[in-house]
Amino acid sequence: MKVIYPGSFDPITFGHLDIIKRCSQKFDKTVIAVLNNQNKNSLFSVEERIDLIKEVTRDIDNIEVLSFSGLLTEFAKSIDCPTIIRGLRAVSDYEYELQMALINKKSYPDLETLFMVASSDVSFLSSSIIKEIASYGGDVKCFVPKVVENALVKKYEGRV
C-alpha cells in the first residue's frame, strides 16, 4: 500500500521525521508531497525543502519526495494514491484535519485520510515555532536535523 504524507515542510522537523519513519515501517511506499503554494511566504524554496527532506531521509528506502501545487486531491489522483497520512499533535490539529479530510472526501470519494498521532517527545514541534526561534538566533538543534539547523542559520545570517 502506498500513502501520501503532504505538507509544506518549511522546514522539515524531527516531528515530521517521526511520522515519515513510522509510515515507512507500516506502508510499502510513502510519498512525501511538498506543497508549492505561491500564496504562502515560505522561508525555503520548494527545491530547498525537497533537498533537505531527501538529505535527512536518505537512509529510508521506501520513500519518494515530490512537489505539488493546487489541490491535494488532484495530486493524489495523478499518482494513483487514494490514501493520505496526516500527523496530529493536539486536539486543535484534529479539528482542522477532520474538516480537510471531509472536504477532500467530498471532492475525491475514494480518498481516505489516516491520522497518525505524533510521538509525545515531538508533539509540540511546529515549523513556524522553529523558524521563529532560529530568526532570533536561538538554538534549534534539538528540534531539527543538523543539515536543517545549518540551513536555518544560513537563512537568518545577518538578520538578527
C-alpha atoms as a PDB file:
ATOM      1  CA  MET A   1       0.000   0.000   0.000  1.00  0.00           C
ATOM      2  CA  LYS A   2       1.233   3.467  -0.948  1.00  0.00           C
ATOM      3  CA  VAL A   3       0.435   6.606   1.097  1.00  0.00           C
ATOM      4  CA  ILE A   4       0.950  10.325   0.673  1.00  0.00           C
ATOM      5  CA  TYR A   5       2.295  12.420   3.532  1.00  0.00           C
ATOM      6  CA  PRO A   6       1.613  16.002   2.399  1.00  0.00           C
ATOM      7  CA  GLY A   7       2.833  19.226   3.940  1.00  0.00           C
ATOM      8  CA  SER A   8       4.818  22.395   3.472  1.00  0.00           C
ATOM      9  CA  PHE A   9       7.834  21.062   5.419  1.00  0.00           C
ATOM     10  CA  ASP A  10       9.196  24.604   5.808  1.00  0.00           C
ATOM     11  CA  PRO A  11      11.472  23.250   7.233  1.00  0.00           C
ATOM     12  CA  ILE A  12      11.294  19.541   7.983  1.00  0.00           C
ATOM     13  CA  THR A  13      11.482  18.849  11.739  1.00  0.00           C
ATOM     14  CA  PHE A  14      12.015  15.844  13.984  1.00  0.00           C
ATOM     15  CA  GLY A  15       8.211  15.760  14.261  1.00  0.00           C
ATOM     16  CA  HIS A  16       7.875  15.278  10.504  1.00  0.00           C
ATOM     17  CA  LEU A  17      10.628  12.667  10.580  1.00  0.00           C
ATOM     18  CA  ASP A  18       8.794  10.787  13.324  1.00  0.00           C
ATOM     19  CA  ILE A  19       5.759  10.423  11.055  1.00  0.00           C
ATOM     20  CA  ILE A  20       7.881   9.602   7.973  1.00  0.00           C
ATOM     21  CA  LYS A  21       9.839   6.856   9.750  1.00  0.00           C
ATOM     22  CA  ARG A  22       6.706   5.313  11.197  1.00  0.00           C
ATOM     23  CA  CYS A  23       4.961   5.436   7.802  1.00  0.00           C
ATOM     24  CA  SER A  24       7.946   3.778   6.158  1.00  0.00           C
ATOM     25  CA  GLN A  25       7.566   0.875   8.606  1.00  0.00           C
ATOM     26  CA  LYS A  26       3.808   0.477   8.048  1.00  0.00           C
ATOM     27  CA  PHE A  27       3.414   1.079   4.310  1.00  0.00           C
ATOM     28  CA  ASP A  28       5.119  -0.201   1.172  1.00  0.00           C
ATOM     29  CA  LYS A  29       5.800   3.306  -0.084  1.00  0.00           C
ATOM     30  CA  THR A  30       5.438   6.782   1.390  1.00  0.00           C
ATOM     31  CA  VAL A  31       5.270   9.748  -0.963  1.00  0.00           C
ATOM     32  CA  ILE A  32       6.345  12.899   0.819  1.00  0.00           C
ATOM     33  CA  ALA A  33       4.366  15.571  -1.028  1.00  0.00           C
ATOM     34  CA  VAL A  34       5.844  19.045  -0.625  1.00  0.00           C
ATOM     35  CA  LEU A  35       3.272  21.763  -1.182  1.00  0.00           C
ATOM     36  CA  ASN A  36       4.273  24.523  -3.571  1.00  0.00           C
ATOM     37  CA  ASN A  37       1.903  27.282  -2.510  1.00  0.00           C
ATOM     38  CA  GLN A  38       2.682  30.537  -4.302  1.00  0.00           C
ATOM     39  CA  ASN A  39       0.426  32.438  -1.867  1.00  0.00           C
ATOM     40  CA  LYS A  40       2.418  31.312   1.164  1.00  0.00           C
ATOM     41  CA  ASN A  41       5.569  33.172   2.115  1.00  0.00           C
ATOM     42  CA  SER A  42       7.880  30.192   2.667  1.00  0.00           C
ATOM     43  CA  LEU A  43      11.352  30.584   4.118  1.00  0.00           C
ATOM     44  CA  PHE A  44      12.757  27.824   1.919  1.00  0.00           C
ATOM     45  CA  SER A  45      12.019  27.329  -1.765  1.00  0.00           C
ATOM     46  CA  VAL A  46      10.331  24.098  -2.832  1.00  0.00           C
ATOM     47  CA  GLU A  47      13.651  22.890  -4.239  1.00  0.00           C
ATOM     48  CA  GLU A  48      15.441  23.632  -0.953  1.00  0.00           C
ATOM     49  CA  ARG A  49      12.748  21.836   1.052  1.00  0.00           C
ATOM     50  CA  ILE A  50      12.935  18.803  -1.245  1.00  0.00           C
ATOM     51  CA  ASP A  51      16.737  18.725  -0.972  1.00  0.00           C
ATOM     52  CA  LEU A  52      16.583  18.934   2.843  1.00  0.00           C
ATOM     53  CA  ILE A  53      13.978  16.159   3.009  1.00  0.00           C
ATOM     54  CA  LYS A  54      15.984  13.924   0.678  1.00  0.00           C
ATOM     55  CA  GLU A  55      19.115  14.522   2.740  1.00  0.00           C
ATOM     56  CA  VAL A  56      17.527  13.670   6.105  1.00  0.00           C
ATOM     57  CA  THR A  57      15.652  10.635   4.720  1.00  0.00           C
ATOM     58  CA  ARG A  58      18.425   9.201   2.563  1.00  0.00           C
ATOM     59  CA  ASP A  59      18.587   6.063   4.740  1.00  0.00           C
ATOM     60  CA  ILE A  60      14.894   5.265   4.250  1.00  0.00           C
ATOM     61  CA  ASP A  61      14.448   3.187   1.095  1.00  0.00           C
ATOM     62  CA  ASN A  62      10.707   3.210   0.549  1.00  0.00           C
ATOM     63  CA  ILE A  63      10.024   6.922   0.285  1.00  0.00           C
ATOM     64  CA  GLU A  64       9.723   9.294  -2.632  1.00  0.00           C
ATOM     65  CA  VAL A  65       9.793  13.083  -2.401  1.00  0.00           C
ATOM     66  CA  LEU A  66       7.633  15.015  -4.869  1.00  0.00           C
ATOM     67  CA  SER A  67       6.241  18.524  -5.030  1.00  0.00           C
ATOM     68  CA  PHE A  68       2.715  19.538  -5.921  1.00  0.00           C
ATOM     69  CA  SER A  69       0.676  22.677  -6.261  1.00  0.00           C
ATOM     70  CA  GLY A  70      -3.054  23.046  -6.309  1.00  0.00           C
ATOM     71  CA  LEU A  71      -5.411  20.590  -4.705  1.00  0.00           C
ATOM     72  CA  LEU A  72      -4.132  17.579  -2.791  1.00  0.00           C
ATOM     73  CA  THR A  73      -6.999  15.532  -4.212  1.00  0.00           C
ATOM     74  CA  GLU A  74      -5.817  16.196  -7.771  1.00  0.00           C
ATOM     75  CA  PHE A  75      -2.250  15.300  -6.826  1.00  0.00           C
ATOM     76  CA  ALA A  76      -3.444  12.062  -5.203  1.00  0.00           C
ATOM     77  CA  LYS A  77      -5.369  11.152  -8.357  1.00  0.00           C
ATOM     78  CA  SER A  78      -2.373  11.995 -10.559  1.00  0.00           C
ATOM     79  CA  ILE A  79      -0.144   9.494  -8.754  1.00  0.00           C
ATOM     80  CA  ASP A  80      -2.952   6.955  -8.266  1.00  0.00           C
ATOM     81  CA  CYS A  81      -2.767   7.029  -4.480  1.00  0.00           C
ATOM     82  CA  PRO A  82      -6.095   7.296  -2.634  1.00  0.00           C
ATOM     83  CA  THR A  83      -4.595   7.308   0.882  1.00  0.00           C
ATOM     84  CA  ILE A  84      -3.060  10.209   2.786  1.00  0.00           C
ATOM     85  CA  ILE A  85      -1.493  10.409   6.229  1.00  0.00           C
ATOM     86  CA  ARG A  86      -1.854  13.443   8.438  1.00  0.00           C
ATOM     87  CA  GLY A  87       0.055  13.893  11.667  1.00  0.00           C
ATOM     88  CA  LEU A  88      -1.808  15.092  14.745  1.00  0.00           C
ATOM     89  CA  ARG A  89      -0.159  16.943  17.605  1.00  0.00           C
ATOM     90  CA  ALA A  90      -3.134  18.323  19.521  1.00  0.00           C
ATOM     91  CA  VAL A  91      -6.921  18.487  19.557  1.00  0.00           C
ATOM     92  CA  SER A  92      -6.757  21.701  17.544  1.00  0.00           C
ATOM     93  CA  ASP A  93      -4.944  19.803  14.760  1.00  0.00           C
ATOM     94  CA  TYR A  94      -7.704  17.201  14.733  1.00  0.00           C
ATOM     95  CA  GLU A  95     -10.473  19.749  14.245  1.00  0.00           C
ATOM     96  CA  TYR A  96      -8.738  21.302  11.241  1.00  0.00           C
ATOM     97  CA  GLU A  97      -7.613  17.966   9.768  1.00  0.00           C
ATOM     98  CA  LEU A  98     -11.080  16.453  10.134  1.00  0.00           C
ATOM     99  CA  GLN A  99     -12.571  19.363   8.207  1.00  0.00           C
ATOM    100  CA  MET A 100      -9.965  18.977   5.449  1.00  0.00           C
ATOM    101  CA  ALA A 101     -10.458  15.193   5.310  1.00  0.00           C
ATOM    102  CA  LEU A 102     -14.213  15.611   4.880  1.00  0.00           C
ATOM    103  CA  ILE A 103     -13.792  18.239   2.163  1.00  0.00           C
ATOM    104  CA  ASN A 104     -11.229  16.071   0.354  1.00  0.00           C
ATOM    105  CA  LYS A 105     -13.508  13.026   0.610  1.00  0.00           C
ATOM    106  CA  LYS A 106     -16.364  15.005  -0.954  1.00  0.00           C
ATOM    107  CA  SER A 107     -14.098  16.018  -3.833  1.00  0.00           C
ATOM    108  CA  TYR A 108     -12.479  12.559  -4.225  1.00  0.00           C
ATOM    109  CA  PRO A 109     -14.749   9.868  -2.729  1.00  0.00           C
ATOM    110  CA  ASP A 110     -12.083   7.139  -2.925  1.00  0.00           C
ATOM    111  CA  LEU A 111      -9.630   9.187  -0.862  1.00  0.00           C
ATOM    112  CA  GLU A 112      -9.030   8.022   2.699  1.00  0.00           C
ATOM    113  CA  THR A 113      -7.282  10.147   5.298  1.00  0.00           C
ATOM    114  CA  LEU A 114      -5.481   8.299   8.062  1.00  0.00           C
ATOM    115  CA  PHE A 115      -4.426  10.188  11.174  1.00  0.00           C
ATOM    116  CA  MET A 116      -1.177   9.359  12.953  1.00  0.00           C
ATOM    117  CA  VAL A 117      -0.637  10.785  16.415  1.00  0.00           C
ATOM    118  CA  ALA A 118       2.782  12.378  16.875  1.00  0.00           C
ATOM    119  CA  SER A 119       5.094  10.764  19.389  1.00  0.00           C
ATOM    120  CA  SER A 120       4.986  12.575  22.717  1.00  0.00           C
ATOM    121  CA  ASP A 121       8.628  13.677  22.529  1.00  0.00           C
ATOM    122  CA  VAL A 122       7.957  15.679  19.330  1.00  0.00           C
ATOM    123  CA  SER A 123       4.273  16.523  19.636  1.00  0.00           C
ATOM    124  CA  PHE A 124       4.996  20.168  20.490  1.00  0.00           C
ATOM    125  CA  LEU A 125       7.084  20.884  17.377  1.00  0.00           C
ATOM    126  CA  SER A 126       5.978  23.099  14.530  1.00  0.00           C
ATOM    127  CA  SER A 127       7.987  24.543  11.671  1.00  0.00           C
ATOM    128  CA  SER A 128       6.735  28.052  12.430  1.00  0.00           C
ATOM    129  CA  ILE A 129       7.911  27.959  16.039  1.00  0.00           C
ATOM    130  CA  ILE A 130      11.281  26.608  14.956  1.00  0.00           C
ATOM    131  CA  LYS A 131      11.626  29.369  12.336  1.00  0.00           C
ATOM    132  CA  GLU A 132      10.797  31.974  14.967  1.00  0.00           C
ATOM    133  CA  ILE A 133      13.430  30.613  17.359  1.00  0.00           C
ATOM    134  CA  ALA A 134      16.004  30.493  14.560  1.00  0.00           C
ATOM    135  CA  SER A 135      15.133  34.025  13.439  1.00  0.00           C
ATOM    136  CA  TYR A 136      16.278  35.294  16.848  1.00  0.00           C
ATOM    137  CA  GLY A 137      19.470  33.245  16.720  1.00  0.00           C
ATOM    138  CA  GLY A 138      18.118  30.629  19.118  1.00  0.00           C
ATOM    139  CA  ASP A 139      19.386  27.061  19.281  1.00  0.00           C
ATOM    140  CA  VAL A 140      17.218  24.653  17.272  1.00  0.00           C
ATOM    141  CA  LYS A 141      19.464  21.581  17.235  1.00  0.00           C
ATOM    142  CA  CYS A 142      17.118  19.529  19.408  1.00  0.00           C
ATOM    143  CA  PHE A 143      14.200  20.236  17.030  1.00  0.00           C
ATOM    144  CA  VAL A 144      15.687  19.649  13.563  1.00  0.00           C
ATOM    145  CA  PRO A 145      18.444  17.552  11.965  1.00  0.00           C
ATOM    146  CA  LYS A 146      21.906  19.173  11.674  1.00  0.00           C
ATOM    147  CA  VAL A 147      21.570  19.882   7.936  1.00  0.00           C
ATOM    148  CA  VAL A 148      18.304  21.746   8.612  1.00  0.00           C
ATOM    149  CA  GLU A 149      19.844  23.617  11.537  1.00  0.00           C
ATOM    150  CA  ASN A 150      22.688  24.744   9.244  1.00  0.00           C
ATOM    151  CA  ALA A 151      20.208  25.806   6.536  1.00  0.00           C
ATOM    152  CA  LEU A 152      18.220  27.841   9.081  1.00  0.00           C
ATOM    153  CA  VAL A 153      21.351  29.556  10.396  1.00  0.00           C
ATOM    154  CA  LYS A 154      22.353  30.433   6.835  1.00  0.00           C
ATOM    155  CA  LYS A 155      18.873  31.802   6.003  1.00  0.00           C
ATOM    156  CA  TYR A 156      18.856  34.052   9.055  1.00  0.00           C
ATOM    157  CA  GLU A 157      22.517  35.122   8.918  1.00  0.00           C
ATOM    158  CA  GLY A 158      22.752  38.875   9.238  1.00  0.00           C
ATOM    159  CA  ARG A 159      19.044  39.251  10.030  1.00  0.00           C
ATOM    160  CA  VAL A 160      19.309  39.006  13.823  1.00  0.00           C
END
